[in-house]
Protein backbone atom coordinates (compact mmCIF):
# COMPACT_ATOMS: atom_id res chain seq x y z
CA UNK A 1 70.41 66.27 35.92
CA UNK A 2 72.65 68.11 33.08
CA UNK A 3 75.36 67.70 31.64
CA UNK A 4 79.08 67.65 33.70
CA UNK A 5 80.66 71.32 33.51
CA UNK A 6 84.21 71.58 31.86
CA UNK A 7 87.50 70.93 33.49
CA UNK A 8 88.37 74.62 32.43
CA UNK A 9 84.92 76.57 33.62
CA UNK A 10 85.29 74.73 37.12
CA UNK A 11 88.72 75.85 37.81
CA UNK A 12 87.67 78.67 36.25
CA UNK A 13 84.74 79.68 39.57
CA UNK A 14 87.41 77.90 41.74
CA UNK A 15 89.39 81.45 40.50
CA UNK A 16 86.26 83.96 41.18
CA UNK A 17 86.55 84.68 37.00
CA UNK A 18 83.10 83.99 36.20
CA UNK A 19 80.32 86.52 35.99
CA UNK A 20 77.33 85.90 38.62
CA UNK A 21 75.05 84.42 35.81
CA UNK A 22 77.67 81.48 35.10
CA UNK A 23 79.13 81.27 39.11
CA UNK A 24 75.20 80.59 40.05
CA UNK A 25 74.56 77.39 37.31
CA UNK A 26 78.09 76.17 38.46
CA UNK A 27 77.45 75.74 42.79
CA UNK A 28 73.95 74.84 41.50
CA UNK A 29 75.16 72.23 39.71
CA UNK A 30 78.38 71.68 42.16
CA UNK A 31 75.66 70.28 44.75
CA UNK A 32 73.78 67.86 43.02
CA UNK A 33 76.93 66.20 40.82
CA UNK A 34 79.59 63.99 42.92
CA UNK A 35 81.28 63.69 40.14
CA UNK A 36 81.69 67.66 39.21
CA UNK A 37 82.44 67.84 43.26
CA UNK A 38 85.40 65.70 42.95
CA UNK A 39 86.92 67.86 40.09
CA UNK A 40 86.20 70.68 42.49
CA UNK A 41 87.77 69.32 45.02
CA UNK A 42 90.99 68.48 43.34
CA UNK A 43 91.35 71.76 41.21
CA UNK A 44 91.00 73.43 44.89
CA UNK A 45 93.68 71.41 45.93
CA UNK A 46 95.88 72.04 43.30
CA UNK A 47 94.96 75.70 42.81
CA UNK A 48 95.63 75.82 46.79
CA UNK A 49 98.87 73.95 46.46
CA UNK A 50 100.04 76.09 43.80
CA UNK A 51 99.41 79.44 45.34
CA UNK A 52 101.08 78.45 48.54
CA UNK A 53 104.66 77.56 46.64
CA UNK A 54 107.32 80.07 48.46
CA UNK A 55 107.93 82.42 45.35
CA UNK A 56 111.77 81.98 43.86
CA UNK A 57 113.73 84.88 42.84
CA UNK A 58 115.83 83.65 39.75
CA UNK A 59 119.14 84.31 40.30
CA UNK A 60 121.33 87.58 39.09
CA UNK A 61 123.36 86.67 36.71
CA UNK A 62 120.77 84.64 34.71
CA UNK A 63 120.04 87.47 32.62
CA UNK A 64 123.26 87.88 32.14
CA UNK A 65 123.76 84.14 30.27
CA UNK A 66 120.92 84.61 28.82
CA UNK A 67 121.72 88.06 26.84
CA UNK A 68 125.17 86.43 26.14
CA UNK A 69 123.86 83.34 24.39
CA UNK A 70 121.73 85.68 22.25
CA UNK A 71 124.81 87.48 21.11
CA UNK A 72 126.94 84.66 20.31
CA UNK A 73 126.25 83.89 16.53
CA UNK A 74 124.05 81.29 15.62
CA UNK A 75 126.51 77.88 15.66
CA UNK A 76 126.52 76.01 12.42
CA UNK A 77 125.49 72.47 11.62
CA UNK A 78 127.69 71.18 8.97
CA UNK A 79 130.69 69.13 7.60
CA UNK A 80 134.24 71.95 7.29
CA UNK A 81 134.84 70.38 4.09
CA UNK A 82 131.59 72.00 2.78
CA UNK A 83 131.46 75.89 1.36
CA UNK A 84 130.07 78.36 4.35
CA UNK A 85 127.08 79.79 2.42
CA UNK A 86 124.83 79.53 5.42
CA UNK A 87 123.25 76.70 4.14
CA UNK A 88 121.97 74.18 7.60
CA UNK A 89 122.90 70.95 7.00
CA UNK A 90 120.88 68.30 8.95
CA UNK A 91 123.81 66.10 10.36
CA UNK A 92 122.25 63.22 10.82
CA UNK A 93 120.53 62.82 8.01
CA UNK A 94 123.71 63.88 5.80
CA UNK A 95 125.20 61.02 7.68
CA UNK A 96 122.56 58.07 6.91
CA UNK A 97 121.70 59.10 3.22
CA UNK A 98 125.81 58.27 3.36
CA UNK A 99 125.47 55.42 4.67
CA UNK A 100 122.97 54.66 3.35
CA UNK A 101 124.34 55.57 -0.44
CA UNK A 102 127.57 53.10 0.37
CA UNK A 103 125.75 50.41 1.57
CA UNK A 104 123.99 49.82 -1.36
CA UNK A 105 127.43 50.94 -3.66
CA UNK A 106 129.12 48.47 -2.16
CA UNK A 107 125.88 45.79 -2.22
CA UNK A 108 125.86 46.28 -5.68
CA UNK A 109 129.83 46.23 -6.58
CA UNK A 110 129.49 42.41 -4.40
CA UNK A 111 126.30 41.36 -6.01
CA UNK A 112 128.42 41.62 -8.89
CA UNK A 113 131.36 40.23 -8.61
CA UNK A 114 129.74 37.27 -7.21
CA UNK A 115 127.90 37.06 -10.56
CA UNK A 116 130.89 36.82 -12.53
CA UNK A 117 132.98 34.52 -10.22
CA UNK A 118 129.54 32.34 -10.71
CA UNK A 119 129.36 32.98 -14.28
CA UNK A 120 132.90 32.58 -14.83
CA UNK A 121 133.50 28.88 -12.64
CA UNK A 122 130.12 27.54 -14.21
CA UNK A 123 132.13 28.57 -17.60
CA UNK A 124 134.93 26.72 -16.69
CA UNK A 125 133.17 23.82 -15.91
CA UNK A 126 131.39 23.54 -19.10
CA UNK A 127 135.16 24.32 -20.82
CA UNK A 128 135.93 20.96 -18.89
CA UNK A 129 132.78 19.44 -20.01
CA UNK A 130 133.18 19.78 -23.76
CA UNK A 131 137.38 18.82 -22.86
CA UNK A 132 137.09 15.67 -21.75
CA UNK A 133 134.27 14.82 -24.56
CA UNK A 134 137.38 15.32 -26.59
CA UNK A 135 139.92 13.09 -25.01
CA UNK A 136 137.09 10.49 -24.63
CA UNK A 137 136.65 10.55 -28.41
CA UNK A 138 140.47 10.88 -28.77
CA UNK A 139 141.46 7.63 -27.10
CA UNK A 140 138.01 5.68 -29.01
CA UNK A 141 139.84 6.75 -32.37
CA UNK A 142 143.01 8.74 -32.58
CA UNK A 143 142.92 9.58 -35.88
CA UNK A 144 139.61 10.26 -37.17
CA UNK A 145 139.74 13.27 -34.22
CA UNK A 146 143.46 14.52 -35.00
CA UNK A 147 142.96 17.69 -37.48
CA UNK A 148 146.47 17.84 -37.72
CA UNK A 149 146.61 13.76 -39.86
CA UNK A 150 144.20 15.13 -42.19
CA UNK A 151 144.75 16.12 -46.12
CA UNK A 152 141.82 17.62 -47.47
CA UNK A 153 140.71 20.43 -46.42
CA UNK A 154 136.87 17.79 -45.73
CA UNK A 155 138.90 15.98 -43.44
CA UNK A 156 139.51 18.92 -41.46
CA UNK A 157 136.94 19.05 -40.36
CA UNK A 158 137.09 17.56 -36.69
CA UNK A 159 133.98 18.34 -35.05
CA UNK A 160 132.78 14.89 -33.31
CA UNK A 161 129.48 15.62 -33.47
CA UNK A 162 128.87 16.59 -37.31
CA UNK A 163 127.58 14.78 -39.45
CA UNK A 164 130.37 13.86 -41.47
CA UNK A 165 132.72 12.06 -38.86
CA UNK A 166 129.61 11.39 -36.31
CA UNK A 167 129.48 7.85 -36.31
CA UNK A 168 127.50 5.54 -33.93
CA UNK A 169 130.16 3.55 -32.23
CA UNK A 170 132.03 7.48 -31.62
CA UNK A 171 128.96 9.28 -30.62
CA UNK A 172 129.22 9.90 -26.22
CA UNK A 173 125.39 10.27 -25.93
CA UNK A 174 124.54 7.28 -27.68
CA UNK A 175 124.22 5.68 -25.01
CA UNK A 176 122.41 8.32 -23.35
CA UNK A 177 119.45 7.95 -26.11
CA UNK A 178 119.78 3.79 -25.51
CA UNK A 179 118.29 4.80 -21.79
CA UNK A 180 116.05 6.22 -22.38
């Protein structure tokens, strides 16, 4: 059994568009091949139904409407605030690009603001801890940590963490060293 004929060639046979040799080959094949017979019957039915359709005449005003549409100037897509230079701006793509750019800019600005607030909260907490450590040290030894009670420049170093003024009793981190 030979290979099946393409749908287009069977359709051309139905419409009697093939030469005698090709038509004879298809007829011989159709006698033996049930698949191509079934395809030929479907195509013949479609062709018959198409030929039986009523041919409708177009309405008389159809060409007038088409001609009027062809003579109208092309509609310009774009924005009214852009200069009219004949450039077609795809409206949806431009709006989408603008929305994405706005989202990125606002998102970046929000990120920067939140980051600055977090840094500020961290700095304020660190300053509060340093102030609390100073208050605790002053409470233990008021004279040693009062910068206004010093008489010489050497005594003005009120840093509780320097070697000159820090003793083991006033070291707030001594308890941490002992616990570890």
